[in-house]
Amino acid sequence: MIASLSGTVLAVAGTTVIIEVGGVGLQVAVTPAHAQELRIGAEAKLRTALVVREDELALYGFAGDEGKEVFDLLRGVSGVGPKSAMAVLAALTPAEIAAAVANEDDAAFRKVSGIGPKTAKLIVVSLAGKMTAAAARGARPSGAAPTIAQNVLIALVGLGWSERVAAQAVDDAIARAPESERDSVPHLLRHALAQLGPTSSPGSR
């Protein structure tokens, strides 16, 4: 498995780039936005996914872990192959994908070429509860620590609630909690759980 590569950019054509690694030119498929960032002769480092099929070996490249993680999640959806997954990433950022999933907005995916209504719905259903990390990273500057609210959201999703339900509970908790308790994960989590209530626990649905 080729998980990453570093080398010199030899060529950029559309969404295909060739990167020389140890004297070998590797052809990698990337999104249009990523391709525009790469410059011939410059050094590049990509996270990659190697897709093995009977008739070909294909490398897909990403600027960081986030894109690679979302690509893998999308490929796990029935009817979504690597090219369709790249088409989704070309049309939507990981944070936008996470938001669409959290809001159960399959219309965002229907706008992507090659994604039909049935597949769009499958993406929303299949990725529910799996996009928290991407949502949290997309909601803050790169390198910044997660906020109190983001940590509570991650905790609630980890307990089994959907991102949409958890996000609403966090918003309600922030609105109702005393100001002195809004800067504490345990306190805010307790308020969020109180908003959700025992009757709406994941195990009861």
N, C-alpha and C. Protein backbone atom coordinates (compact mmCIF):
# COMPACT_ATOMS: atom_id res chain seq x y z
N MET A 1 0.85 -1.20 0.00
CA MET A 1 0.00 0.00 0.00
C MET A 1 0.88 1.25 0.00
N ILE A 2 0.62 2.16 -0.93
CA ILE A 2 1.33 3.43 -0.98
C ILE A 2 0.47 4.46 -0.25
N ALA A 3 0.86 4.82 0.96
CA ALA A 3 0.05 5.69 1.80
C ALA A 3 0.41 7.16 1.64
N SER A 4 1.61 7.46 1.17
CA SER A 4 2.03 8.83 0.95
C SER A 4 3.22 8.84 0.02
N LEU A 5 3.50 10.00 -0.55
CA LEU A 5 4.69 10.12 -1.39
C LEU A 5 5.17 11.57 -1.38
N SER A 6 6.46 11.72 -1.54
CA SER A 6 7.09 13.04 -1.61
C SER A 6 8.05 13.05 -2.79
N GLY A 7 7.98 14.09 -3.58
CA GLY A 7 8.87 14.16 -4.72
C GLY A 7 8.68 15.43 -5.51
N THR A 8 9.26 15.46 -6.71
CA THR A 8 9.21 16.62 -7.58
C THR A 8 8.08 16.49 -8.59
N VAL A 9 7.33 17.56 -8.74
CA VAL A 9 6.23 17.55 -9.70
C VAL A 9 6.81 17.66 -11.11
N LEU A 10 6.57 16.64 -11.94
CA LEU A 10 7.07 16.64 -13.31
C LEU A 10 6.06 17.19 -14.30
N ALA A 11 4.77 16.95 -14.04
CA ALA A 11 3.73 17.39 -14.97
C ALA A 11 2.40 17.54 -14.26
N VAL A 12 1.61 18.48 -14.76
CA VAL A 12 0.25 18.68 -14.26
C VAL A 12 -0.66 18.85 -15.47
N ALA A 13 -1.63 17.96 -15.62
CA ALA A 13 -2.56 18.03 -16.75
C ALA A 13 -3.97 17.73 -16.26
N GLY A 14 -4.79 18.77 -16.15
CA GLY A 14 -6.15 18.57 -15.64
C GLY A 14 -6.11 18.12 -14.20
N THR A 15 -6.62 16.94 -13.93
CA THR A 15 -6.62 16.41 -12.57
C THR A 15 -5.59 15.28 -12.41
N THR A 16 -4.66 15.21 -13.34
CA THR A 16 -3.61 14.20 -13.28
C THR A 16 -2.25 14.86 -13.09
N VAL A 17 -1.48 14.40 -12.12
CA VAL A 17 -0.14 14.93 -11.92
C VAL A 17 0.85 13.76 -11.93
N ILE A 18 2.06 14.06 -12.32
CA ILE A 18 3.14 13.07 -12.28
C ILE A 18 4.20 13.58 -11.32
N ILE A 19 4.50 12.77 -10.33
CA ILE A 19 5.48 13.15 -9.33
C ILE A 19 6.63 12.15 -9.35
N GLU A 20 7.84 12.67 -9.45
CA GLU A 20 9.03 11.81 -9.49
C GLU A 20 9.47 11.48 -8.07
N VAL A 21 9.50 10.20 -7.77
CA VAL A 21 9.94 9.73 -6.46
C VAL A 21 11.05 8.72 -6.66
N GLY A 22 12.26 9.07 -6.25
CA GLY A 22 13.38 8.16 -6.40
C GLY A 22 13.65 7.75 -7.83
N GLY A 23 13.47 8.69 -8.77
CA GLY A 23 13.74 8.41 -10.17
C GLY A 23 12.58 7.77 -10.92
N VAL A 24 11.47 7.53 -10.22
CA VAL A 24 10.29 6.92 -10.84
C VAL A 24 9.15 7.94 -10.85
N GLY A 25 8.54 8.12 -12.03
CA GLY A 25 7.41 9.04 -12.15
C GLY A 25 6.11 8.34 -11.84
N LEU A 26 5.41 8.80 -10.81
CA LEU A 26 4.14 8.21 -10.42
C LEU A 26 2.98 9.11 -10.84
N GLN A 27 2.01 8.51 -11.53
CA GLN A 27 0.84 9.26 -11.97
C GLN A 27 -0.23 9.21 -10.88
N VAL A 28 -0.69 10.39 -10.50
CA VAL A 28 -1.63 10.49 -9.37
C VAL A 28 -2.84 11.33 -9.78
N ALA A 29 -4.04 10.86 -9.45
CA ALA A 29 -5.26 11.63 -9.69
C ALA A 29 -5.56 12.50 -8.48
N VAL A 30 -5.83 13.77 -8.73
CA VAL A 30 -6.12 14.72 -7.65
C VAL A 30 -7.36 15.53 -8.03
N THR A 31 -7.84 16.34 -7.12
CA THR A 31 -8.97 17.22 -7.43
C THR A 31 -8.47 18.42 -8.23
N PRO A 32 -9.35 19.10 -8.97
CA PRO A 32 -8.93 20.28 -9.74
C PRO A 32 -8.28 21.35 -8.87
N ALA A 33 -8.84 21.60 -7.69
CA ALA A 33 -8.29 22.62 -6.80
C ALA A 33 -6.88 22.25 -6.34
N HIS A 34 -6.68 20.97 -6.04
CA HIS A 34 -5.36 20.51 -5.62
C HIS A 34 -4.35 20.63 -6.76
N ALA A 35 -4.79 20.29 -7.97
CA ALA A 35 -3.90 20.37 -9.13
C ALA A 35 -3.41 21.80 -9.36
N GLN A 36 -4.28 22.77 -9.13
CA GLN A 36 -3.91 24.17 -9.32
C GLN A 36 -2.86 24.63 -8.33
N GLU A 37 -2.76 23.95 -7.19
CA GLU A 37 -1.79 24.33 -6.17
C GLU A 37 -0.40 23.78 -6.45
N LEU A 38 -0.33 22.75 -7.32
CA LEU A 38 0.94 22.10 -7.59
C LEU A 38 1.68 22.79 -8.74
N ARG A 39 2.97 22.96 -8.61
CA ARG A 39 3.78 23.65 -9.60
C ARG A 39 4.87 22.72 -10.14
N ILE A 40 5.03 22.70 -11.44
CA ILE A 40 6.06 21.86 -12.06
C ILE A 40 7.44 22.28 -11.56
N GLY A 41 8.21 21.31 -11.14
CA GLY A 41 9.55 21.58 -10.62
C GLY A 41 9.59 21.77 -9.12
N ALA A 42 8.42 21.95 -8.51
CA ALA A 42 8.36 22.15 -7.05
C ALA A 42 8.24 20.80 -6.35
N GLU A 43 8.60 20.80 -5.08
CA GLU A 43 8.45 19.59 -4.28
C GLU A 43 7.01 19.49 -3.77
N ALA A 44 6.50 18.30 -3.70
CA ALA A 44 5.14 18.09 -3.23
C ALA A 44 5.09 16.87 -2.33
N LYS A 45 4.22 16.92 -1.34
CA LYS A 45 3.99 15.78 -0.46
C LYS A 45 2.50 15.50 -0.44
N LEU A 46 2.12 14.28 -0.77
CA LEU A 46 0.72 13.91 -0.85
C LEU A 46 0.41 12.70 0.01
N ARG A 47 -0.78 12.70 0.61
CA ARG A 47 -1.32 11.47 1.19
C ARG A 47 -1.99 10.75 0.04
N THR A 48 -1.86 9.47 -0.04
CA THR A 48 -2.36 8.76 -1.20
C THR A 48 -3.19 7.53 -0.83
N ALA A 49 -4.02 7.14 -1.79
CA ALA A 49 -4.77 5.89 -1.68
C ALA A 49 -4.51 5.10 -2.95
N LEU A 50 -4.08 3.86 -2.80
CA LEU A 50 -3.83 2.99 -3.95
C LEU A 50 -5.05 2.09 -4.15
N VAL A 51 -5.68 2.22 -5.30
CA VAL A 51 -6.85 1.40 -5.62
C VAL A 51 -6.43 0.32 -6.60
N VAL A 52 -6.58 -0.91 -6.18
CA VAL A 52 -6.14 -2.06 -6.99
C VAL A 52 -7.35 -2.72 -7.63
N ARG A 53 -7.31 -2.84 -8.96
CA ARG A 53 -8.35 -3.54 -9.70
C ARG A 53 -7.68 -4.54 -10.65
N GLU A 54 -8.51 -5.41 -11.21
CA GLU A 54 -7.96 -6.45 -12.07
C GLU A 54 -7.16 -5.89 -13.24
N ASP A 55 -7.64 -4.76 -13.79
CA ASP A 55 -7.01 -4.23 -14.99
C ASP A 55 -6.18 -2.97 -14.77
N GLU A 56 -6.07 -2.50 -13.51
CA GLU A 56 -5.27 -1.30 -13.29
C GLU A 56 -4.92 -1.09 -11.82
N LEU A 57 -3.85 -0.32 -11.63
CA LEU A 57 -3.48 0.20 -10.32
C LEU A 57 -3.59 1.71 -10.42
N ALA A 58 -4.35 2.32 -9.55
CA ALA A 58 -4.56 3.76 -9.63
C ALA A 58 -4.24 4.43 -8.30
N LEU A 59 -3.51 5.53 -8.39
CA LEU A 59 -3.15 6.31 -7.20
C LEU A 59 -4.00 7.57 -7.15
N TYR A 60 -4.57 7.84 -5.98
CA TYR A 60 -5.33 9.07 -5.76
C TYR A 60 -4.63 9.86 -4.67
N GLY A 61 -4.44 11.14 -4.92
CA GLY A 61 -3.65 11.95 -3.99
C GLY A 61 -4.44 13.06 -3.32
N PHE A 62 -3.99 13.41 -2.11
CA PHE A 62 -4.69 14.41 -1.30
C PHE A 62 -3.67 15.30 -0.60
N ALA A 63 -4.08 16.54 -0.34
CA ALA A 63 -3.17 17.49 0.29
C ALA A 63 -2.90 17.14 1.75
N GLY A 64 -3.84 16.43 2.39
CA GLY A 64 -3.66 16.07 3.79
C GLY A 64 -4.50 14.88 4.18
N ASP A 65 -4.44 14.55 5.47
CA ASP A 65 -5.17 13.38 5.99
C ASP A 65 -6.68 13.52 5.84
N GLU A 66 -7.17 14.75 5.97
CA GLU A 66 -8.62 14.98 5.97
C GLU A 66 -9.26 14.50 4.67
N GLY A 67 -8.67 14.91 3.53
CA GLY A 67 -9.21 14.50 2.24
C GLY A 67 -9.14 13.01 2.05
N LYS A 68 -8.05 12.41 2.48
CA LYS A 68 -7.88 10.95 2.37
C LYS A 68 -8.93 10.22 3.20
N GLU A 69 -9.19 10.69 4.41
CA GLU A 69 -10.17 10.05 5.29
C GLU A 69 -11.57 10.10 4.67
N VAL A 70 -11.93 11.27 4.13
CA VAL A 70 -13.26 11.42 3.53
C VAL A 70 -13.37 10.57 2.27
N PHE A 71 -12.29 10.50 1.49
CA PHE A 71 -12.26 9.66 0.29
C PHE A 71 -12.54 8.20 0.65
N ASP A 72 -11.89 7.73 1.70
CA ASP A 72 -12.09 6.34 2.15
C ASP A 72 -13.53 6.12 2.62
N LEU A 73 -14.08 7.09 3.34
CA LEU A 73 -15.46 6.97 3.81
C LEU A 73 -16.43 6.92 2.64
N LEU A 74 -16.22 7.78 1.65
CA LEU A 74 -17.09 7.81 0.48
C LEU A 74 -17.02 6.50 -0.30
N ARG A 75 -15.83 5.95 -0.41
CA ARG A 75 -15.68 4.68 -1.15
C ARG A 75 -16.38 3.52 -0.44
N GLY A 76 -16.65 3.70 0.83
CA GLY A 76 -17.35 2.66 1.58
C GLY A 76 -18.86 2.68 1.36
N VAL A 77 -19.35 3.68 0.63
CA VAL A 77 -20.78 3.80 0.35
C VAL A 77 -21.10 2.99 -0.91
N SER A 78 -22.14 2.20 -0.84
CA SER A 78 -22.53 1.39 -1.99
C SER A 78 -22.81 2.27 -3.20
N GLY A 79 -22.18 1.94 -4.32
CA GLY A 79 -22.39 2.70 -5.55
C GLY A 79 -21.41 3.84 -5.75
N VAL A 80 -20.52 4.08 -4.79
CA VAL A 80 -19.53 5.16 -4.92
C VAL A 80 -18.15 4.56 -5.12
N GLY A 81 -17.61 4.70 -6.31
CA GLY A 81 -16.27 4.23 -6.61
C GLY A 81 -15.27 5.35 -6.39
N PRO A 82 -13.99 5.09 -6.64
CA PRO A 82 -12.96 6.11 -6.41
C PRO A 82 -13.15 7.38 -7.25
N LYS A 83 -13.59 7.22 -8.51
CA LYS A 83 -13.77 8.41 -9.36
C LYS A 83 -14.95 9.24 -8.86
N SER A 84 -16.01 8.58 -8.43
CA SER A 84 -17.15 9.32 -7.89
C SER A 84 -16.77 10.01 -6.57
N ALA A 85 -15.97 9.33 -5.75
CA ALA A 85 -15.52 9.92 -4.49
C ALA A 85 -14.70 11.18 -4.75
N MET A 86 -13.84 11.12 -5.77
CA MET A 86 -13.04 12.29 -6.13
C MET A 86 -13.93 13.41 -6.67
N ALA A 87 -14.99 13.04 -7.39
CA ALA A 87 -15.91 14.05 -7.92
C ALA A 87 -16.60 14.79 -6.78
N VAL A 88 -16.95 14.05 -5.72
CA VAL A 88 -17.57 14.68 -4.55
C VAL A 88 -16.58 15.64 -3.89
N LEU A 89 -15.33 15.19 -3.74
CA LEU A 89 -14.30 16.04 -3.12
C LEU A 89 -13.93 17.23 -4.00
N ALA A 90 -14.15 17.10 -5.30
CA ALA A 90 -13.88 18.21 -6.21
C ALA A 90 -14.96 19.28 -6.08
N ALA A 91 -16.19 18.84 -5.74
CA ALA A 91 -17.31 19.77 -5.65
C ALA A 91 -17.51 20.33 -4.25
N LEU A 92 -17.13 19.56 -3.23
CA LEU A 92 -17.38 19.97 -1.84
C LEU A 92 -16.12 19.76 -1.01
N THR A 93 -15.85 20.67 -0.08
CA THR A 93 -14.74 20.48 0.84
C THR A 93 -15.15 19.43 1.89
N PRO A 94 -14.19 18.82 2.58
CA PRO A 94 -14.55 17.89 3.65
C PRO A 94 -15.49 18.50 4.68
N ALA A 95 -15.28 19.77 5.02
CA ALA A 95 -16.16 20.43 5.98
C ALA A 95 -17.58 20.58 5.43
N GLU A 96 -17.69 20.88 4.13
CA GLU A 96 -19.01 21.00 3.51
C GLU A 96 -19.70 19.64 3.43
N ILE A 97 -18.93 18.60 3.17
CA ILE A 97 -19.48 17.24 3.16
C ILE A 97 -20.00 16.89 4.54
N ALA A 98 -19.21 17.20 5.56
CA ALA A 98 -19.62 16.92 6.94
C ALA A 98 -20.89 17.67 7.30
N ALA A 99 -20.99 18.93 6.87
CA ALA A 99 -22.17 19.73 7.16
C ALA A 99 -23.40 19.17 6.45
N ALA A 100 -23.23 18.75 5.19
CA ALA A 100 -24.35 18.18 4.43
C ALA A 100 -24.85 16.90 5.09
N VAL A 101 -23.91 16.08 5.56
CA VAL A 101 -24.30 14.83 6.23
C VAL A 101 -25.02 15.13 7.54
N ALA A 102 -24.48 16.06 8.30
CA ALA A 102 -25.08 16.41 9.59
C ALA A 102 -26.49 16.98 9.44
N ASN A 103 -26.70 17.74 8.34
CA ASN A 103 -27.99 18.36 8.09
C ASN A 103 -28.91 17.47 7.25
N GLU A 104 -28.44 16.25 6.95
CA GLU A 104 -29.20 15.31 6.13
C GLU A 104 -29.59 15.94 4.80
N ASP A 105 -28.64 16.68 4.22
CA ASP A 105 -28.87 17.42 2.98
C ASP A 105 -28.33 16.64 1.79
N ASP A 106 -29.12 15.69 1.28
CA ASP A 106 -28.65 14.90 0.15
C ASP A 106 -28.62 15.71 -1.14
N ALA A 107 -29.32 16.86 -1.18
CA ALA A 107 -29.32 17.72 -2.37
C ALA A 107 -27.91 18.18 -2.71
N ALA A 108 -27.07 18.38 -1.69
CA ALA A 108 -25.69 18.81 -1.93
C ALA A 108 -24.93 17.79 -2.76
N PHE A 109 -25.22 16.51 -2.55
CA PHE A 109 -24.53 15.46 -3.28
C PHE A 109 -25.15 15.20 -4.65
N ARG A 110 -26.45 15.50 -4.80
CA ARG A 110 -27.10 15.32 -6.10
C ARG A 110 -26.55 16.28 -7.14
N LYS A 111 -25.94 17.37 -6.68
CA LYS A 111 -25.36 18.35 -7.60
C LYS A 111 -24.04 17.86 -8.20
N VAL A 112 -23.48 16.81 -7.64
CA VAL A 112 -22.19 16.29 -8.12
C VAL A 112 -22.42 15.40 -9.34
N SER A 113 -21.67 15.63 -10.38
CA SER A 113 -21.80 14.83 -11.60
C SER A 113 -21.57 13.35 -11.30
N GLY A 114 -22.50 12.51 -11.74
CA GLY A 114 -22.36 11.07 -11.55
C GLY A 114 -23.01 10.54 -10.28
N ILE A 115 -23.51 11.45 -9.43
CA ILE A 115 -24.18 11.04 -8.19
C ILE A 115 -25.69 11.23 -8.35
N GLY A 116 -26.43 10.13 -8.38
CA GLY A 116 -27.87 10.20 -8.53
C GLY A 116 -28.58 10.35 -7.20
N PRO A 117 -29.90 10.52 -7.22
CA PRO A 117 -30.67 10.71 -5.98
C PRO A 117 -30.50 9.56 -4.98
N LYS A 118 -30.54 8.32 -5.47
CA LYS A 118 -30.42 7.18 -4.57
C LYS A 118 -29.05 7.15 -3.90
N THR A 119 -28.00 7.36 -4.68
CA THR A 119 -26.65 7.35 -4.13
C THR A 119 -26.45 8.52 -3.17
N ALA A 120 -27.02 9.67 -3.50
CA ALA A 120 -26.91 10.85 -2.62
C ALA A 120 -27.50 10.55 -1.24
N LYS A 121 -28.65 9.90 -1.23
CA LYS A 121 -29.27 9.53 0.05
C LYS A 121 -28.43 8.51 0.80
N LEU A 122 -27.85 7.57 0.05
CA LEU A 122 -27.00 6.55 0.67
C LEU A 122 -25.77 7.18 1.32
N ILE A 123 -25.21 8.21 0.67
CA ILE A 123 -24.04 8.89 1.24
C ILE A 123 -24.40 9.50 2.58
N VAL A 124 -25.54 10.19 2.64
CA VAL A 124 -25.97 10.83 3.89
C VAL A 124 -26.18 9.79 4.98
N VAL A 125 -26.88 8.71 4.64
CA VAL A 125 -27.18 7.68 5.63
C VAL A 125 -25.92 6.95 6.07
N SER A 126 -25.07 6.60 5.11
CA SER A 126 -23.88 5.80 5.41
C SER A 126 -22.83 6.57 6.19
N LEU A 127 -22.74 7.90 5.96
CA LEU A 127 -21.70 8.70 6.61
C LEU A 127 -22.17 9.32 7.92
N ALA A 128 -23.44 9.17 8.24
CA ALA A 128 -23.96 9.74 9.49
C ALA A 128 -23.18 9.20 10.69
N GLY A 129 -22.68 10.10 11.52
CA GLY A 129 -21.93 9.70 12.70
C GLY A 129 -20.46 9.43 12.44
N LYS A 130 -20.03 9.51 11.17
CA LYS A 130 -18.64 9.20 10.83
C LYS A 130 -17.84 10.44 10.43
N MET A 131 -18.52 11.58 10.32
CA MET A 131 -17.86 12.77 9.81
C MET A 131 -17.50 13.79 10.88
N THR A 132 -17.57 13.39 12.15
CA THR A 132 -17.32 14.34 13.24
C THR A 132 -15.93 14.95 13.17
N ALA A 133 -14.92 14.13 12.91
CA ALA A 133 -13.54 14.65 12.89
C ALA A 133 -13.38 15.69 11.79
N ALA A 134 -13.93 15.40 10.61
CA ALA A 134 -13.83 16.34 9.50
C ALA A 134 -14.58 17.62 9.80
N ALA A 135 -15.74 17.49 10.44
CA ALA A 135 -16.54 18.66 10.78
C ALA A 135 -15.80 19.53 11.78
N ALA A 136 -15.19 18.90 12.78
CA ALA A 136 -14.48 19.64 13.80
C ALA A 136 -13.26 20.35 13.23
N ARG A 137 -12.51 19.65 12.35
CA ARG A 137 -11.33 20.29 11.75
C ARG A 137 -11.74 21.42 10.82
N GLY A 138 -12.82 21.20 10.08
CA GLY A 138 -13.25 22.22 9.13
C GLY A 138 -13.80 23.45 9.80
N ALA A 139 -14.22 23.33 11.05
CA ALA A 139 -14.83 24.45 11.76
C ALA A 139 -13.80 25.29 12.49
N ARG A 140 -12.53 24.92 12.44
CA ARG A 140 -11.53 25.72 13.14
C ARG A 140 -10.30 25.87 12.27
N PRO A 141 -9.47 26.90 12.49
CA PRO A 141 -8.24 27.07 11.72
C PRO A 141 -7.31 25.88 11.90
N SER A 142 -6.54 25.59 10.85
CA SER A 142 -5.61 24.48 10.92
C SER A 142 -4.64 24.66 12.07
N GLY A 143 -4.47 23.64 12.89
CA GLY A 143 -3.53 23.69 14.00
C GLY A 143 -4.15 24.17 15.30
N ALA A 144 -5.38 24.72 15.22
CA ALA A 144 -6.01 25.22 16.44
C ALA A 144 -6.60 24.07 17.23
N ALA A 145 -6.69 24.26 18.54
CA ALA A 145 -7.25 23.22 19.40
C ALA A 145 -8.77 23.21 19.26
N PRO A 146 -9.40 22.05 19.45
CA PRO A 146 -10.86 21.99 19.37
C PRO A 146 -11.48 22.88 20.45
N THR A 147 -12.62 23.47 20.15
CA THR A 147 -13.31 24.29 21.14
C THR A 147 -14.04 23.37 22.12
N ILE A 148 -14.54 23.96 23.21
CA ILE A 148 -15.32 23.20 24.19
C ILE A 148 -16.52 22.56 23.49
N ALA A 149 -17.24 23.35 22.69
CA ALA A 149 -18.42 22.84 22.01
C ALA A 149 -18.10 21.69 21.07
N GLN A 150 -16.98 21.79 20.36
CA GLN A 150 -16.59 20.72 19.44
C GLN A 150 -16.27 19.44 20.19
N ASN A 151 -15.62 19.57 21.33
CA ASN A 151 -15.31 18.38 22.13
C ASN A 151 -16.57 17.72 22.65
N VAL A 152 -17.54 18.53 23.05
CA VAL A 152 -18.81 17.98 23.52
C VAL A 152 -19.55 17.30 22.37
N LEU A 153 -19.53 17.92 21.19
CA LEU A 153 -20.16 17.32 20.00
C LEU A 153 -19.55 15.96 19.70
N ILE A 154 -18.22 15.89 19.73
CA ILE A 154 -17.52 14.63 19.45
C ILE A 154 -17.92 13.57 20.49
N ALA A 155 -18.02 14.00 21.76
CA ALA A 155 -18.39 13.06 22.83
C ALA A 155 -19.79 12.51 22.61
N LEU A 156 -20.73 13.37 22.23
CA LEU A 156 -22.12 12.93 22.03
C LEU A 156 -22.24 11.98 20.85
N VAL A 157 -21.54 12.29 19.77
CA VAL A 157 -21.56 11.40 18.60
C VAL A 157 -20.94 10.06 18.97
N GLY A 158 -19.88 10.12 19.78
CA GLY A 158 -19.25 8.88 20.24
C GLY A 158 -20.18 8.04 21.10
N LEU A 159 -21.14 8.69 21.76
CA LEU A 159 -22.13 7.98 22.57
C LEU A 159 -23.28 7.43 21.74
N GLY A 160 -23.32 7.81 20.45
CA GLY A 160 -24.30 7.21 19.56
C GLY A 160 -25.33 8.14 18.95
N TRP A 161 -25.35 9.42 19.35
CA TRP A 161 -26.32 10.32 18.73
C TRP A 161 -25.82 10.78 17.37
N SER A 162 -26.74 11.13 16.49
CA SER A 162 -26.36 11.64 15.17
C SER A 162 -25.76 13.03 15.33
N GLU A 163 -24.97 13.46 14.34
CA GLU A 163 -24.35 14.78 14.41
C GLU A 163 -25.39 15.88 14.49
N ARG A 164 -26.49 15.73 13.74
CA ARG A 164 -27.53 16.75 13.73
C ARG A 164 -28.16 16.91 15.11
N VAL A 165 -28.53 15.78 15.72
CA VAL A 165 -29.15 15.82 17.05
C VAL A 165 -28.16 16.33 18.09
N ALA A 166 -26.91 15.85 18.01
CA ALA A 166 -25.89 16.26 18.97
C ALA A 166 -25.60 17.76 18.87
N ALA A 167 -25.50 18.26 17.63
CA ALA A 167 -25.20 19.69 17.43
C ALA A 167 -26.31 20.56 18.02
N GLN A 168 -27.56 20.15 17.84
CA GLN A 168 -28.68 20.91 18.40
C GLN A 168 -28.63 20.90 19.92
N ALA A 169 -28.29 19.74 20.50
CA ALA A 169 -28.21 19.63 21.96
C ALA A 169 -27.10 20.52 22.51
N VAL A 170 -25.98 20.59 21.79
CA VAL A 170 -24.87 21.45 22.24
C VAL A 170 -25.29 22.91 22.18
N ASP A 171 -25.97 23.32 21.09
CA ASP A 171 -26.44 24.70 20.97
C ASP A 171 -27.39 25.04 22.11
N ASP A 172 -28.32 24.12 22.41
CA ASP A 172 -29.28 24.35 23.49
C ASP A 172 -28.57 24.44 24.84
N ALA A 173 -27.56 23.57 25.02
CA ALA A 173 -26.83 23.56 26.29
C ALA A 173 -26.09 24.88 26.49
N ILE A 174 -25.47 25.38 25.44
CA ILE A 174 -24.74 26.65 25.54
C ILE A 174 -25.70 27.79 25.89
N ALA A 175 -26.89 27.74 25.30
CA ALA A 175 -27.88 28.80 25.54
C ALA A 175 -28.41 28.76 26.97
N ARG A 176 -28.54 27.57 27.56
CA ARG A 176 -29.18 27.43 28.86
C ARG A 176 -28.22 27.32 30.04
N ALA A 177 -26.98 26.92 29.77
CA ALA A 177 -26.02 26.73 30.86
C ALA A 177 -25.59 28.08 31.44
N PRO A 178 -25.34 28.13 32.75
CA PRO A 178 -24.78 29.35 33.35
C PRO A 178 -23.45 29.68 32.68
N GLU A 179 -23.16 30.94 32.56
CA GLU A 179 -21.94 31.36 31.86
C GLU A 179 -20.70 30.71 32.46
N SER A 180 -20.69 30.48 33.77
CA SER A 180 -19.53 29.91 34.45
C SER A 180 -19.28 28.46 34.05
N GLU A 181 -20.30 27.80 33.46
CA GLU A 181 -20.16 26.39 33.11
C GLU A 181 -20.00 26.16 31.60
N ARG A 182 -19.95 27.23 30.83
CA ARG A 182 -19.85 27.09 29.37
C ARG A 182 -18.44 26.79 28.91
N ASP A 183 -17.46 27.00 29.78
CA ASP A 183 -16.06 26.77 29.42
C ASP A 183 -15.54 25.46 29.97
N SER A 184 -16.44 24.55 30.32
CA SER A 184 -16.05 23.26 30.87
C SER A 184 -16.72 22.14 30.08
N VAL A 185 -15.90 21.24 29.52
CA VAL A 185 -16.46 20.12 28.76
C VAL A 185 -17.40 19.27 29.62
N PRO A 186 -16.99 18.84 30.83
CA PRO A 186 -17.90 18.02 31.65
C PRO A 186 -19.22 18.72 31.95
N HIS A 187 -19.16 20.03 32.33
CA HIS A 187 -20.38 20.75 32.66
C HIS A 187 -21.29 20.89 31.43
N LEU A 188 -20.68 21.27 30.30
CA LEU A 188 -21.48 21.47 29.09
C LEU A 188 -22.04 20.14 28.58
N LEU A 189 -21.25 19.08 28.72
CA LEU A 189 -21.72 17.75 28.31
C LEU A 189 -22.92 17.34 29.18
N ARG A 190 -22.84 17.62 30.47
CA ARG A 190 -23.95 17.27 31.37
C ARG A 190 -25.22 18.01 30.96
N HIS A 191 -25.08 19.30 30.61
CA HIS A 191 -26.25 20.07 30.18
C HIS A 191 -26.79 19.54 28.85
N ALA A 192 -25.90 19.14 27.95
CA ALA A 192 -26.33 18.61 26.65
C ALA A 192 -27.08 17.30 26.82
N LEU A 193 -26.57 16.45 27.71
CA LEU A 193 -27.23 15.17 27.97
C LEU A 193 -28.60 15.39 28.61
N ALA A 194 -28.69 16.43 29.43
CA ALA A 194 -29.98 16.75 30.05
C ALA A 194 -30.97 17.21 28.99
N GLN A 195 -30.47 17.94 27.98
CA GLN A 195 -31.34 18.39 26.89
C GLN A 195 -31.84 17.18 26.08
N LEU A 196 -30.97 16.23 25.86
CA LEU A 196 -31.34 15.04 25.08
C LEU A 196 -32.34 14.19 25.85
N GLY A 197 -32.10 14.03 27.15
CA GLY A 197 -33.03 13.28 27.99
C GLY A 197 -32.90 11.78 27.79
N PRO A 198 -33.30 11.00 28.80
CA PRO A 198 -33.18 9.54 28.73
C PRO A 198 -34.07 8.92 27.67
N THR A 199 -35.19 9.56 27.35
CA THR A 199 -36.11 8.95 26.39
C THR A 199 -35.61 9.03 24.97
N SER A 200 -34.64 9.90 24.70
CA SER A 200 -34.11 10.02 23.35
C SER A 200 -32.72 9.44 23.21
N SER A 201 -32.31 8.63 24.20
CA SER A 201 -30.98 8.02 24.15
C SER A 201 -30.85 7.13 22.94
N PRO A 202 -29.61 6.98 22.38
CA PRO A 202 -29.43 6.17 21.17
C PRO A 202 -30.00 4.80 21.30
N GLY A 203 -29.89 4.19 22.47
CA GLY A 203 -30.35 2.82 22.64
C GLY A 203 -31.87 2.69 22.61
N SER A 204 -32.57 3.81 22.76
CA SER A 204 -34.04 3.73 22.80
C SER A 204 -34.66 4.01 21.45
N ARG A 205 -33.82 4.33 20.42
CA ARG A 205 -34.36 4.67 19.12
C ARG A 205 -34.24 3.51 18.15
